[in-house]
Every structure is written in structure tokens, then in C-alpha cells.
C-alpha atoms as a PDB file:
ATOM      1  CA  MET A   1     133.439  63.421  88.230  1.00  0.00           C
ATOM      2  CA  ASP A   2     135.927  63.587  85.483  1.00  0.00           C
ATOM      3  CA  ILE A   3     139.436  62.558  85.799  1.00  0.00           C
ATOM      4  CA  ILE A   4     142.552  62.866  83.548  1.00  0.00           C
ATOM      5  CA  VAL A   5     145.110  60.033  83.261  1.00  0.00           C
ATOM      6  CA  ASN A   6     148.229  59.323  81.139  1.00  0.00           C
ATOM      7  CA  ALA A   7     147.881  55.774  80.035  1.00  0.00           C
ATOM      8  CA  ILE A   8     148.819  53.069  77.477  1.00  0.00           C
ATOM      9  CA  VAL A   9     146.149  50.713  76.116  1.00  0.00           C
ATOM     10  CA  LEU A  10     146.968  47.171  77.212  1.00  0.00           C
ATOM     11  CA  LYS A  11     143.897  45.415  75.678  1.00  0.00           C
ATOM     12  CA  SER A  12     140.850  46.272  73.617  1.00  0.00           C
ATOM     13  CA  VAL A  13     137.777  44.142  73.549  1.00  0.00           C
ATOM     14  CA  ASP A  14     134.647  44.765  71.392  1.00  0.00           C
ATOM     15  CA  TYR A  15     131.455  45.506  73.320  1.00  0.00           C
ATOM     16  CA  LYS A  16     127.972  45.734  71.875  1.00  0.00           C
ATOM     17  CA  ASP A  17     127.777  46.957  68.225  1.00  0.00           C
ATOM     18  CA  ASN A  18     130.047  50.045  68.272  1.00  0.00           C
ATOM     19  CA  ASP A  19     131.763  50.216  71.658  1.00  0.00           C
ATOM     20  CA  LYS A  20     134.883  48.735  73.265  1.00  0.00           C
ATOM     21  CA  ILE A  21     136.248  47.867  76.677  1.00  0.00           C
ATOM     22  CA  LEU A  22     139.745  49.084  77.279  1.00  0.00           C
ATOM     23  CA  THR A  23     142.351  47.961  79.890  1.00  0.00           C
ATOM     24  CA  LEU A  24     144.600  50.866  80.462  1.00  0.00           C
ATOM     25  CA  TYR A  25     147.809  51.077  82.521  1.00  0.00           C
ATOM     26  CA  SER A  26     147.950  54.615  83.831  1.00  0.00           C
ATOM     27  CA  LEU A  27     150.701  56.665  85.663  1.00  0.00           C
ATOM     28  CA  GLU A  28     148.091  58.021  88.047  1.00  0.00           C
ATOM     29  CA  LYS A  29     145.916  55.015  88.898  1.00  0.00           C
ATOM     30  CA  GLY A  30     147.764  51.919  87.633  1.00  0.00           C
ATOM     31  CA  LYS A  31     145.656  49.381  85.768  1.00  0.00           C
ATOM     32  CA  ILE A  32     142.002  50.294  85.201  1.00  0.00           C
ATOM     33  CA  THR A  33     139.170  49.374  82.889  1.00  0.00           C
ATOM     34  CA  ALA A  34     137.234  51.884  80.859  1.00  0.00           C
ATOM     35  CA  GLY A  35     134.402  51.797  78.213  1.00  0.00           C
ATOM     36  CA  ILE A  36     134.713  53.784  75.107  1.00  0.00           C
ATOM     37  CA  LYS A  37     131.606  54.437  73.025  1.00  0.00           C
ATOM     38  CA  GLY A  38     131.037  54.515  69.253  1.00  0.00           C
ATOM     39  CA  VAL A  39     134.666  53.858  68.285  1.00  0.00           C
ATOM     40  CA  LYS A  40     133.837  51.129  65.801  1.00  0.00           C
ATOM     41  CA  LYS A  41     131.811  53.549  63.691  1.00  0.00           C
ATOM     42  CA  SER A  42     133.404  54.994  60.605  1.00  0.00           C
ATOM     43  CA  GLY A  43     135.147  58.282  61.361  1.00  0.00           C
ATOM     44  CA  ALA A  44     134.798  57.881  65.087  1.00  0.00           C
ATOM     45  CA  LYS A  45     136.906  60.724  66.729  1.00  0.00           C
ATOM     46  CA  LEU A  46     138.268  58.526  69.484  1.00  0.00           C
ATOM     47  CA  LYS A  47     139.138  55.560  67.345  1.00  0.00           C
ATOM     48  CA  PHE A  48     142.960  56.331  67.703  1.00  0.00           C
ATOM     49  CA  ALA A  49     142.625  55.893  71.557  1.00  0.00           C
ATOM     50  CA  SER A  50     140.838  52.499  71.368  1.00  0.00           C
ATOM     51  CA  GLU A  51     143.732  50.481  69.901  1.00  0.00           C
ATOM     52  CA  PRO A  52     146.425  48.412  71.922  1.00  0.00           C
ATOM     53  CA  PHE A  53     149.657  50.324  72.352  1.00  0.00           C
ATOM     54  CA  ALA A  54     147.970  53.667  72.063  1.00  0.00           C
ATOM     55  CA  LEU A  55     149.590  56.210  74.524  1.00  0.00           C
ATOM     56  CA  CYS A  56     147.141  59.019  75.329  1.00  0.00           C
ATOM     57  CA  GLU A  57     146.083  61.514  77.870  1.00  0.00           C
ATOM     58  CA  PHE A  58     142.553  60.138  78.658  1.00  0.00           C
ATOM     59  CA  VAL A  59     139.651  62.089  80.064  1.00  0.00           C
ATOM     60  CA  LEU A  60     137.446  59.603  81.982  1.00  0.00           C
ATOM     61  CA  ALA A  61     133.997  60.032  83.458  1.00  0.00           C
ATOM     62  CA  GLU A  62     133.556  58.050  86.708  1.00  0.00           C
ATOM     63  CA  LYS A  63     130.242  56.755  87.865  1.00  0.00           C
ATOM     64  CA  ALA A  64     129.573  54.188  90.491  1.00  0.00           C
ATOM     65  CA  GLY A  65     133.158  53.041  90.277  1.00  0.00           C
ATOM     66  CA  ARG A  66     133.237  52.642  86.491  1.00  0.00           C
ATOM     67  CA  TYR A  67     135.082  54.632  83.998  1.00  0.00           C
ATOM     68  CA  THR A  68     134.095  55.820  80.500  1.00  0.00           C
ATOM     69  CA  VAL A  69     136.420  57.491  78.040  1.00  0.00           C
ATOM     70  CA  ILE A  70     134.966  60.826  77.028  1.00  0.00           C
ATOM     71  CA  GLY A  71     138.026  62.348  75.513  1.00  0.00           C
ATOM     72  CA  ALA A  72     141.595  61.644  74.722  1.00  0.00           C
ATOM     73  CA  THR A  73     144.710  63.505  73.415  1.00  0.00           C
ATOM     74  CA  TYR A  74     147.200  61.533  71.342  1.00  0.00           C
ATOM     75  CA  ILE A  75     150.726  61.179  72.568  1.00  0.00           C
ATOM     76  CA  ASP A  76     151.983  58.230  70.500  1.00  0.00           C
ATOM     77  CA  SER A  77     150.483  55.383  68.508  1.00  0.00           C
ATOM     78  CA  PHE A  78     153.844  53.477  68.230  1.00  0.00           C
ATOM     79  CA  PHE A  79     152.880  52.750  64.628  1.00  0.00           C
ATOM     80  CA  ASN A  80     156.181  51.012  63.725  1.00  0.00           C
ATOM     81  CA  LEU A  81     155.126  48.118  65.959  1.00  0.00           C
ATOM     82  CA  ARG A  82     152.647  47.127  63.269  1.00  0.00           C
ATOM     83  CA  LEU A  83     155.295  46.928  60.535  1.00  0.00           C
ATOM     84  CA  SER A  84     157.486  44.298  61.980  1.00  0.00           C
ATOM     85  CA  LEU A  85     156.403  40.976  63.534  1.00  0.00           C
ATOM     86  CA  GLU A  86     159.351  41.029  65.890  1.00  0.00           C
ATOM     87  CA  LYS A  87     158.609  44.384  67.161  1.00  0.00           C
ATOM     88  CA  TYR A  88     154.845  43.560  67.469  1.00  0.00           C
ATOM     89  CA  TYR A  89     155.426  40.305  69.329  1.00  0.00           C
ATOM     90  CA  SER A  90     157.921  41.794  71.680  1.00  0.00           C
ATOM     91  CA  SER A  91     155.741  44.709  72.597  1.00  0.00           C
ATOM     92  CA  SER A  92     152.718  42.510  72.978  1.00  0.00           C
ATOM     93  CA  ILE A  93     154.636  40.345  75.471  1.00  0.00           C
ATOM     94  CA  ILE A  94     155.238  43.558  77.477  1.00  0.00           C
ATOM     95  CA  LEU A  95     151.494  44.457  77.382  1.00  0.00           C
ATOM     96  CA  GLU A  96     150.262  40.920  78.089  1.00  0.00           C
ATOM     97  CA  THR A  97     152.609  40.470  80.950  1.00  0.00           C
ATOM     98  CA  LEU A  98     151.656  43.724  82.507  1.00  0.00           C
ATOM     99  CA  ASN A  99     147.978  42.985  82.167  1.00  0.00           C
ATOM    100  CA  LEU A 100     148.230  39.551  83.621  1.00  0.00           C
ATOM    101  CA  LEU A 101     150.467  40.406  86.540  1.00  0.00           C
ATOM    102  CA  THR A 102     149.231  43.673  87.879  1.00  0.00           C
ATOM    103  CA  ALA A 103     146.162  44.365  90.014  1.00  0.00           C
ATOM    104  CA  GLU A 104     143.821  47.172  89.382  1.00  0.00           C
ATOM    105  CA  ASN A 105     144.125  50.651  90.999  1.00  0.00           C
ATOM    106  CA  GLU A 106     147.746  49.998  92.188  1.00  0.00           C
ATOM    107  CA  PRO A 107     149.826  52.896  90.624  1.00  0.00           C
ATOM    108  CA  ASP A 108     153.515  52.396  90.248  1.00  0.00           C
ATOM    109  CA  PRO A 109     155.202  55.354  88.494  1.00  0.00           C
ATOM    110  CA  ASP A 110     158.524  53.329  88.053  1.00  0.00           C
ATOM    111  CA  LEU A 111     156.600  50.460  86.386  1.00  0.00           C
ATOM    112  CA  PHE A 112     154.728  52.907  84.144  1.00  0.00           C
ATOM    113  CA  SER A 113     157.950  54.498  83.022  1.00  0.00           C
ATOM    114  CA  LEU A 114     159.658  51.150  82.401  1.00  0.00           C
ATOM    115  CA  VAL A 115     156.688  50.029  80.168  1.00  0.00           C
ATOM    116  CA  VAL A 116     156.511  53.224  78.136  1.00  0.00           C
ATOM    117  CA  ASN A 117     160.348  53.484  77.767  1.00  0.00           C
ATOM    118  CA  ALA A 118     160.604  49.904  76.532  1.00  0.00           C
ATOM    119  CA  VAL A 119     157.811  50.200  74.012  1.00  0.00           C
ATOM    120  CA  LYS A 120     159.514  53.491  72.770  1.00  0.00           C
ATOM    121  CA  TYR A 121     162.788  51.771  72.274  1.00  0.00           C
ATOM    122  CA  ILE A 122     161.143  48.756  70.441  1.00  0.00           C
ATOM    123  CA  ASN A 123     159.105  51.082  68.257  1.00  0.00           C
ATOM    124  CA  TYR A 124     161.915  53.446  67.217  1.00  0.00           C
ATOM    125  CA  GLN A 125     165.096  51.358  67.333  1.00  0.00           C
ATOM    126  CA  GLY A 126     166.035  47.847  66.067  1.00  0.00           C
ATOM    127  CA  VAL A 127     166.745  46.398  69.522  1.00  0.00           C
ATOM    128  CA  GLU A 128     163.624  44.427  70.072  1.00  0.00           C
ATOM    129  CA  LEU A 129     164.878  41.274  71.954  1.00  0.00           C
ATOM    130  CA  LYS A 130     167.451  43.359  73.867  1.00  0.00           C
ATOM    131  CA  ILE A 131     164.854  45.708  75.299  1.00  0.00           C
ATOM    132  CA  LEU A 132     162.271  42.954  75.988  1.00  0.00           C
ATOM    133  CA  ASN A 133     164.895  41.089  78.026  1.00  0.00           C
ATOM    134  CA  GLY A 134     165.622  44.332  79.831  1.00  0.00           C
ATOM    135  CA  PHE A 135     161.924  44.824  80.551  1.00  0.00           C
ATOM    136  CA  LEU A 136     161.401  41.213  81.798  1.00  0.00           C
ATOM    137  CA  PHE A 137     164.460  41.381  84.123  1.00  0.00           C
ATOM    138  CA  ASN A 138     163.370  44.658  85.695  1.00  0.00           C
ATOM    139  CA  PHE A 139     159.701  43.615  85.898  1.00  0.00           C
ATOM    140  CA  ILE A 140     160.608  40.402  87.627  1.00  0.00           C
ATOM    141  CA  THR A 141     162.503  42.638  90.132  1.00  0.00           C
ATOM    142  CA  ILE A 142     159.528  44.784  90.641  1.00  0.00           C
ATOM    143  CA  LEU A 143     157.255  41.889  91.284  1.00  0.00           C
ATOM    144  CA  GLY A 144     159.696  40.776  94.109  1.00  0.00           C
ATOM    145  CA  TYR A 145     161.240  37.785  92.384  1.00  0.00           C
ATOM    146  CA  GLY A 146     164.594  39.472  91.438  1.00  0.00           C
ATOM    147  CA  ILE A 147     167.872  37.633  91.186  1.00  0.00           C
ATOM    148  CA  GLN A 148     169.988  39.221  93.829  1.00  0.00           C
ATOM    149  CA  THR A 149     173.410  38.039  92.761  1.00  0.00           C
ATOM    150  CA  LEU A 150     175.104  36.139  89.909  1.00  0.00           C
ATOM    151  CA  ASN A 151     177.773  34.760  92.182  1.00  0.00           C
ATOM    152  CA  CYS A 152     177.754  31.046  93.077  1.00  0.00           C
ATOM    153  CA  ASN A 153     175.619  30.745  96.256  1.00  0.00           C
ATOM    154  CA  GLY A 154     178.020  28.174  97.614  1.00  0.00           C
ATOM    155  CA  CYS A 155     181.467  29.718  96.983  1.00  0.00           C
ATOM    156  CA  ASP A 156     180.484  33.196  96.190  1.00  0.00           C
ATOM    157  CA  SER A 157     182.531  33.252  93.036  1.00  0.00           C
ATOM    158  CA  LEU A 158     181.468  34.192  89.513  1.00  0.00           C
ATOM    159  CA  ILE A 159     181.036  31.089  87.390  1.00  0.00           C
ATOM    160  CA  ASP A 160     183.055  30.254  84.273  1.00  0.00           C
ATOM    161  CA  GLY A 161     182.219  26.600  83.851  1.00  0.00           C
ATOM    162  CA  ARG A 162     179.013  24.697  84.142  1.00  0.00           C
ATOM    163  CA  VAL A 163     176.198  26.807  85.539  1.00  0.00           C
ATOM    164  CA  PHE A 164     173.215  25.645  87.758  1.00  0.00           C
ATOM    165  CA  PHE A 165     170.243  27.702  88.647  1.00  0.00           C
ATOM    166  CA  SER A 166     167.600  27.178  91.443  1.00  0.00           C
ATOM    167  CA  GLY A 167     164.365  28.758  90.450  1.00  0.00           C
ATOM    168  CA  ARG A 168     163.072  28.129  93.873  1.00  0.00           C
ATOM    169  CA  PHE A 169     165.725  30.223  95.581  1.00  0.00           C
ATOM    170  CA  ALA A 170     166.644  32.426  92.539  1.00  0.00           C
ATOM    171  CA  GLU A 171     170.275  31.345  93.048  1.00  0.00           C
ATOM    172  CA  PHE A 172     173.165  30.259  90.866  1.00  0.00           C
ATOM    173  CA  TYR A 173     175.618  27.489  91.567  1.00  0.00           C
ATOM    174  CA  CYS A 174     178.850  26.214  90.063  1.00  0.00           C
ATOM    175  CA  SER A 175     179.249  22.472  89.459  1.00  0.00           C
ATOM    176  CA  SER A 176     181.065  22.003  92.732  1.00  0.00           C
ATOM    177  CA  CYS A 177     178.322  23.664  94.861  1.00  0.00           C
ATOM    178  CA  ARG A 178     175.191  22.736  93.071  1.00  0.00           C
ATOM    179  CA  ILE A 179     172.103  21.555  94.933  1.00  0.00           C
ATOM    180  CA  ASP A 180     169.631  18.908  93.980  1.00  0.00           C
ATOM    181  CA  ASP A 181     166.860  21.064  92.582  1.00  0.00           C
ATOM    182  CA  ALA A 182     169.209  23.329  90.536  1.00  0.00           C
ATOM    183  CA  MET A 183     168.940  22.861  86.788  1.00  0.00           C
ATOM    184  CA  GLU A 184     171.691  23.245  84.316  1.00  0.00           C
ATOM    185  CA  ILE A 185     171.632  26.431  82.062  1.00  0.00           C
ATOM    186  CA  THR A 186     174.135  27.260  79.398  1.00  0.00           C
ATOM    187  CA  LEU A 187     177.245  29.300  80.178  1.00  0.00           C
ATOM    188  CA  GLU A 188     176.141  31.593  77.228  1.00  0.00           C
ATOM    189  CA  THR A 189     172.795  32.234  78.918  1.00  0.00           C
ATOM    190  CA  TYR A 190     174.560  33.064  82.233  1.00  0.00           C
ATOM    191  CA  LEU A 191     176.985  35.321  80.491  1.00  0.00           C
ATOM    192  CA  ALA A 192     174.215  37.080  78.642  1.00  0.00           C
ATOM    193  CA  LEU A 193     172.481  37.752  82.079  1.00  0.00           C
ATOM    194  CA  ARG A 194     175.603  39.299  83.317  1.00  0.00           C
ATOM    195  CA  LYS A 195     175.454  41.890  80.551  1.00  0.00           C
ATOM    196  CA  ILE A 196     171.989  43.164  81.623  1.00  0.00           C
ATOM    197  CA  PHE A 197     172.125  42.501  85.362  1.00  0.00           C
ATOM    198  CA  ASN A 198     170.834  45.477  87.382  1.00  0.00           C
ATOM    199  CA  LYS A 199     170.894  47.723  84.335  1.00  0.00           C
ATOM    200  CA  THR A 200     168.299  50.259  83.120  1.00  0.00           C
ATOM    201  CA  ILE A 201     166.533  50.062  79.777  1.00  0.00           C
ATOM    202  CA  ASP A 202     168.716  52.792  78.462  1.00  0.00           C
ATOM    203  CA  GLU A 203     171.937  50.893  79.539  1.00  0.00           C
ATOM    204  CA  ILE A 204     170.719  47.612  78.168  1.00  0.00           C
ATOM    205  CA  SER A 205     169.927  49.313  74.761  1.00  0.00           C
ATOM    206  CA  LYS A 206     173.767  49.935  74.403  1.00  0.00           C
ATOM    207  CA  SER A 207     174.805  46.361  75.649  1.00  0.00           C
ATOM    208  CA  THR A 208     176.823  43.979  73.406  1.00  0.00           C
ATOM    209  CA  LEU A 209     174.280  41.122  73.455  1.00  0.00           C
ATOM    210  CA  LYS A 210     174.446  38.910  70.449  1.00  0.00           C
ATOM    211  CA  ARG A 211     171.427  37.484  68.687  1.00  0.00           C
ATOM    212  CA  GLN A 212     171.831  33.994  70.151  1.00  0.00           C
ATOM    213  CA  GLU A 213     172.432  35.378  73.608  1.00  0.00           C
ATOM    214  CA  GLU A 214     169.226  37.490  73.306  1.00  0.00           C
ATOM    215  CA  ILE A 215     167.219  34.291  72.429  1.00  0.00           C
ATOM    216  CA  LYS A 216     168.646  32.213  75.118  1.00  0.00           C
ATOM    217  CA  LEU A 217     168.027  34.975  77.732  1.00  0.00           C
ATOM    218  CA  LEU A 218     164.443  35.444  76.589  1.00  0.00           C
ATOM    219  CA  LYS A 219     163.807  31.767  77.081  1.00  0.00           C
ATOM    220  CA  PHE A 220     165.451  31.805  80.486  1.00  0.00           C
ATOM    221  CA  LEU A 221     163.610  34.915  81.726  1.00  0.00           C
ATOM    222  CA  THR A 222     160.252  33.729  80.513  1.00  0.00           C
ATOM    223  CA  TYR A 223     160.832  30.360  82.035  1.00  0.00           C
ATOM    224  CA  TYR A 224     161.584  31.895  85.380  1.00  0.00           C
ATOM    225  CA  LEU A 225     158.741  34.435  85.288  1.00  0.00           C
ATOM    226  CA  GLN A 226     156.270  31.538  84.591  1.00  0.00           C
ATOM    227  CA  LEU A 227     157.814  29.350  87.367  1.00  0.00           C
ATOM    228  CA  LYS A 228     157.405  32.134  90.002  1.00  0.00           C
ATOM    229  CA  THR A 229     153.906  33.419  88.829  1.00  0.00           C
ATOM    230  CA  GLU A 230     152.381  30.318  87.348  1.00  0.00           C
ATOM    231  CA  ILE A 231     151.142  32.613  84.585  1.00  0.00           C
ATOM    232  CA  ASN A 232     151.450  31.594  80.819  1.00  0.00           C
ATOM    233  CA  VAL A 233     152.107  34.624  78.564  1.00  0.00           C
ATOM    234  CA  LYS A 234     150.726  33.384  75.311  1.00  0.00           C
ATOM    235  CA  SER A 235     152.603  36.020  73.258  1.00  0.00           C
ATOM    236  CA  VAL A 236     155.940  34.364  74.181  1.00  0.00           C
ATOM    237  CA  LYS A 237     155.408  31.242  72.039  1.00  0.00           C
ATOM    238  CA  SER A 238     154.429  33.394  69.078  1.00  0.00           C
ATOM    239  CA  LEU A 239     157.628  35.293  69.342  1.00  0.00           C
ATOM    240  CA  ILE A 240     159.944  32.301  69.950  1.00  0.00           C
ATOM    241  CA  ASP A 241     158.361  30.449  67.080  1.00  0.00           C
ATOM    242  CA  PHE A 242     158.998  33.395  64.874  1.00  0.00           C
ATOM    243  CA  ILE A 243     162.617  33.987  65.710  1.00  0.00           C
ATOM    244  CA  SER A 244     163.731  30.361  66.107  1.00  0.00           C
END
């Protein structure tokens, strides 16, 4: 039985002499694994569909619960990602995070739209860190670890002095209300978070985040994601080393 899915390639691994195993994130079926044959040969017709970041309409043959790519129509290769290390690392974090933290065969149209929209912005506009932070904030919310309010959990006021954050409860505290397990973060990080809080990728692309705010926010969001999931996204270190 053949099926058609719209999907982005999260990962591509060599298999045998000329084949690859693809990890796809699709609109219709969520994350799935599919083999693709002969794409390492010179002049292979489906070579374009076997590379990470490729967004395609895939035709898959299914047999005994396994998928094989038998056709693909190009939608976008996001070629510009390969021309800038910052673009490449930022988009790699998105794909790696999605691959590590989603289960197979659990479609989520909102998450698919978030991923494709974020990669498009990074590819076509110079807003890499801004969009990456927007993706991470929204993805954390989708995972169920979202920060519900930026007000101090003790006095219910916005904070304008020292800021403390409890990763265990996903809560902020001012210096007067802080609890024992809350760590101090910079006011600059807190104010940057306020600029993207509960905003869409489109809205975040127009935000007034400064470069240092973007970097501090990236470190905070990736720290919080790792704390809640216990997953280390290796691409994060590559990006932070590059931009620091």
C-alpha cells in the first residue's frame, strides 16, 4: 500500500552501499523512519530527497510496518542553511530537538507547522537566534513544560530587580519571595523572555531582541529544556561555541 506524506528530513544515515535510512517528520503521520534506495549513486533521481532539511511530498511504500521512499516531489531544500554556520547550527538544533523528543507515529499539525515555519524564517531571513528561541519556547510549551506566567509566584508582580527561577516548578520569583531551589538569572534574560512570551514565530521575527539578549535567552531555554527532559541536544554546544 502506498501513502503520500508531506515531511521534512530530520536525519539521514548511510545504509549498505548506496542506500540511506531517513527519519522524517510528517504532517500526516508525525515522525516516521523510511528507507530510500540507490541515492548514493551518481545521478540518483531521489538524491535531493535524502538530505537533512529537505522538505518534500514523499510517496512511501508500506510493507510489514516498514516504509520505503519510492517517489518524492521537491518543495524546498532550504539551501541557504548551508551557506551560514549560524543558520546551519540553529536549524540543526530544531531538527535534533524534534528527533530526540518526539515519538513515532504521533502526528501534530501545529508542531509540523512550527518546525517548517521556523526553518523557513532561518533560511530566508537574518533572524536565526530570534527564531530559534521562538521555536524552543513554543516547543517547550507543546511538550507540556510551558512557563505559564512571568509574574513573581509570590507577590504576583512583574520583576524589575533580581530575578530567580525555579526549574522544578517553572516559576519566577523576586528577591523578596524567592524559594530555596530557585536559581538567579540575569534581569536581561528575564526581560528578553518577556519579549517572546506567548508569541508566534511570525510575531517573534519582528521583536526587538538584541544580540546579547538572544544569546542569554538561548542559554536559558536550552538549560530549561535539558532540565525537564534530561536530553542533551549536541548541536546547542556547536552553536554557542560559534556565537560566543
